[in-house]
Amino acid sequence: MTTPAPRHSVLSFVYDLLLGAAAGFSIGWFAWIFADRIGDDGTPAFWPFAVSGVLGGIALVRWARSRRGTARWVHILWIPVLLFVLLMTAIVLALRNFN
């Protein structure tokens, strides 16, 4: 007896969670870095930035995938591109500040 393949909606939801969490975490990381550079009270806590970024990223991906028509593919494609650009910028910043 074999288990049936996961339904499309489950796979879609997992994709939304992974992509949204990754994009949101990187956006939260950038917001945290900028808040640290702008503020003069020391380094703020990271978790509020990460949590809000992840929740916003998941909501953004769910919204983009709920669109109908040809514009849906535009929304679905620009989110991974944005994630790639943010992660590459994070690597450049990390290497630049590496002593």
C-alpha atoms as a PDB file:
ATOM      1  CA  MET A   1       0.000   0.000   0.000  1.00  0.00           C
ATOM      2  CA  THR A   2       1.533   3.270  -1.088  1.00  0.00           C
ATOM      3  CA  THR A   3       0.762   6.647   0.296  1.00  0.00           C
ATOM      4  CA  PRO A   4      -0.861   9.043  -2.142  1.00  0.00           C
ATOM      5  CA  ALA A   5       1.087  12.010  -3.401  1.00  0.00           C
ATOM      6  CA  PRO A   6       0.499  15.230  -1.477  1.00  0.00           C
ATOM      7  CA  ARG A   7      -2.314  17.340  -2.798  1.00  0.00           C
ATOM      8  CA  HIS A   8      -1.431  20.367  -4.851  1.00  0.00           C
ATOM      9  CA  SER A   9      -2.734  22.697  -2.169  1.00  0.00           C
ATOM     10  CA  VAL A  10      -0.379  21.216   0.455  1.00  0.00           C
ATOM     11  CA  LEU A  11       2.615  21.554  -1.859  1.00  0.00           C
ATOM     12  CA  SER A  12       1.560  25.074  -2.710  1.00  0.00           C
ATOM     13  CA  PHE A  13       1.244  25.963   0.960  1.00  0.00           C
ATOM     14  CA  VAL A  14       4.695  24.515   1.753  1.00  0.00           C
ATOM     15  CA  TYR A  15       6.172  26.530  -1.129  1.00  0.00           C
ATOM     16  CA  ASP A  16       4.483  29.660   0.195  1.00  0.00           C
ATOM     17  CA  LEU A  17       5.836  29.042   3.685  1.00  0.00           C
ATOM     18  CA  LEU A  18       9.409  28.378   2.586  1.00  0.00           C
ATOM     19  CA  LEU A  19       9.657  31.217   0.100  1.00  0.00           C
ATOM     20  CA  GLY A  20       7.826  33.655   2.348  1.00  0.00           C
ATOM     21  CA  ALA A  21       9.927  32.767   5.381  1.00  0.00           C
ATOM     22  CA  ALA A  22      13.200  33.072   3.473  1.00  0.00           C
ATOM     23  CA  ALA A  23      12.276  36.372   1.831  1.00  0.00           C
ATOM     24  CA  GLY A  24      10.787  37.751   5.029  1.00  0.00           C
ATOM     25  CA  PHE A  25      13.788  36.751   7.132  1.00  0.00           C
ATOM     26  CA  SER A  26      16.183  38.513   4.777  1.00  0.00           C
ATOM     27  CA  ILE A  27      13.969  41.621   4.707  1.00  0.00           C
ATOM     28  CA  GLY A  28      13.829  41.545   8.519  1.00  0.00           C
ATOM     29  CA  TRP A  29      17.606  41.198   8.656  1.00  0.00           C
ATOM     30  CA  PHE A  30      18.067  44.277   6.469  1.00  0.00           C
ATOM     31  CA  ALA A  31      15.596  46.265   8.566  1.00  0.00           C
ATOM     32  CA  TRP A  32      17.519  45.231  11.692  1.00  0.00           C
ATOM     33  CA  ILE A  33      20.869  46.261  10.166  1.00  0.00           C
ATOM     34  CA  PHE A  34      19.495  49.661   9.147  1.00  0.00           C
ATOM     35  CA  ALA A  35      17.874  50.166  12.570  1.00  0.00           C
ATOM     36  CA  ASP A  36      21.228  49.409  14.176  1.00  0.00           C
ATOM     37  CA  ARG A  37      23.029  51.906  11.928  1.00  0.00           C
ATOM     38  CA  ILE A  38      20.442  54.673  12.370  1.00  0.00           C
ATOM     39  CA  GLY A  39      19.825  54.364  16.102  1.00  0.00           C
ATOM     40  CA  ASP A  40      22.363  55.379  18.714  1.00  0.00           C
ATOM     41  CA  ASP A  41      20.928  53.417  21.660  1.00  0.00           C
ATOM     42  CA  GLY A  42      22.818  50.229  20.865  1.00  0.00           C
ATOM     43  CA  THR A  43      21.785  47.190  18.895  1.00  0.00           C
ATOM     44  CA  PRO A  44      18.015  46.544  18.939  1.00  0.00           C
ATOM     45  CA  ALA A  45      16.593  43.059  19.473  1.00  0.00           C
ATOM     46  CA  PHE A  46      16.596  41.019  16.275  1.00  0.00           C
ATOM     47  CA  TRP A  47      13.507  38.846  16.800  1.00  0.00           C
ATOM     48  CA  PRO A  48      10.820  41.538  16.199  1.00  0.00           C
ATOM     49  CA  PHE A  49      12.367  42.342  12.827  1.00  0.00           C
ATOM     50  CA  ALA A  50      12.674  38.669  11.870  1.00  0.00           C
ATOM     51  CA  VAL A  51       9.135  37.765  12.968  1.00  0.00           C
ATOM     52  CA  SER A  52       7.508  40.722  11.223  1.00  0.00           C
ATOM     53  CA  GLY A  53       9.561  40.069   8.084  1.00  0.00           C
ATOM     54  CA  VAL A  54       8.645  36.372   7.984  1.00  0.00           C
ATOM     55  CA  LEU A  55       4.932  37.032   8.563  1.00  0.00           C
ATOM     56  CA  GLY A  56       4.942  39.793   5.953  1.00  0.00           C
ATOM     57  CA  GLY A  57       6.847  37.606   3.492  1.00  0.00           C
ATOM     58  CA  ILE A  58       4.410  34.718   3.879  1.00  0.00           C
ATOM     59  CA  ALA A  59       1.461  37.083   3.453  1.00  0.00           C
ATOM     60  CA  LEU A  60       3.094  38.599   0.364  1.00  0.00           C
ATOM     61  CA  VAL A  61       3.660  35.200  -1.243  1.00  0.00           C
ATOM     62  CA  ARG A  62       0.108  34.060  -0.438  1.00  0.00           C
ATOM     63  CA  TRP A  63      -1.248  37.279  -1.939  1.00  0.00           C
ATOM     64  CA  ALA A  64       0.861  36.931  -5.095  1.00  0.00           C
ATOM     65  CA  ARG A  65      -0.216  33.323  -5.610  1.00  0.00           C
ATOM     66  CA  SER A  66      -3.892  34.204  -5.163  1.00  0.00           C
ATOM     67  CA  ARG A  67      -3.853  36.532  -8.204  1.00  0.00           C
ATOM     68  CA  ARG A  68      -5.496  35.254 -11.352  1.00  0.00           C
ATOM     69  CA  GLY A  69      -4.469  35.673 -14.959  1.00  0.00           C
ATOM     70  CA  THR A  70      -1.086  36.518 -16.434  1.00  0.00           C
ATOM     71  CA  ALA A  71      -0.219  39.043 -13.724  1.00  0.00           C
ATOM     72  CA  ARG A  72      -0.038  36.136 -11.274  1.00  0.00           C
ATOM     73  CA  TRP A  73       3.136  34.845 -12.895  1.00  0.00           C
ATOM     74  CA  VAL A  74       4.748  38.265 -12.717  1.00  0.00           C
ATOM     75  CA  HIS A  75       4.093  38.388  -8.974  1.00  0.00           C
ATOM     76  CA  ILE A  76       5.278  34.812  -8.423  1.00  0.00           C
ATOM     77  CA  LEU A  77       8.504  35.413 -10.364  1.00  0.00           C
ATOM     78  CA  TRP A  78       9.602  38.698  -8.794  1.00  0.00           C
ATOM     79  CA  ILE A  79       9.556  37.361  -5.226  1.00  0.00           C
ATOM     80  CA  PRO A  80      12.460  34.870  -5.743  1.00  0.00           C
ATOM     81  CA  VAL A  81      14.356  37.561  -7.683  1.00  0.00           C
ATOM     82  CA  LEU A  82      13.922  39.959  -4.767  1.00  0.00           C
ATOM     83  CA  LEU A  83      15.067  37.241  -2.361  1.00  0.00           C
ATOM     84  CA  PHE A  84      18.164  36.550  -4.466  1.00  0.00           C
ATOM     85  CA  VAL A  85      19.104  40.234  -4.630  1.00  0.00           C
ATOM     86  CA  LEU A  86      18.638  40.647  -0.875  1.00  0.00           C
ATOM     87  CA  LEU A  87      20.708  37.582  -0.049  1.00  0.00           C
ATOM     88  CA  MET A  88      23.519  38.610  -2.391  1.00  0.00           C
ATOM     89  CA  THR A  89      23.540  42.068  -0.825  1.00  0.00           C
ATOM     90  CA  ALA A  90      23.711  40.457   2.621  1.00  0.00           C
ATOM     91  CA  ILE A  91      26.737  38.438   1.531  1.00  0.00           C
ATOM     92  CA  VAL A  92      28.444  41.551   0.153  1.00  0.00           C
ATOM     93  CA  LEU A  93      27.778  43.433   3.400  1.00  0.00           C
ATOM     94  CA  ALA A  94      29.052  40.535   5.486  1.00  0.00           C
ATOM     95  CA  LEU A  95      32.239  40.217   3.435  1.00  0.00           C
ATOM     96  CA  ARG A  96      32.784  43.961   3.473  1.00  0.00           C
ATOM     97  CA  ASN A  97      32.581  44.078   7.275  1.00  0.00           C
ATOM     98  CA  PHE A  98      34.692  40.937   7.728  1.00  0.00           C
ATOM     99  CA  ASN A  99      38.024  41.694   9.367  1.00  0.00           C
END
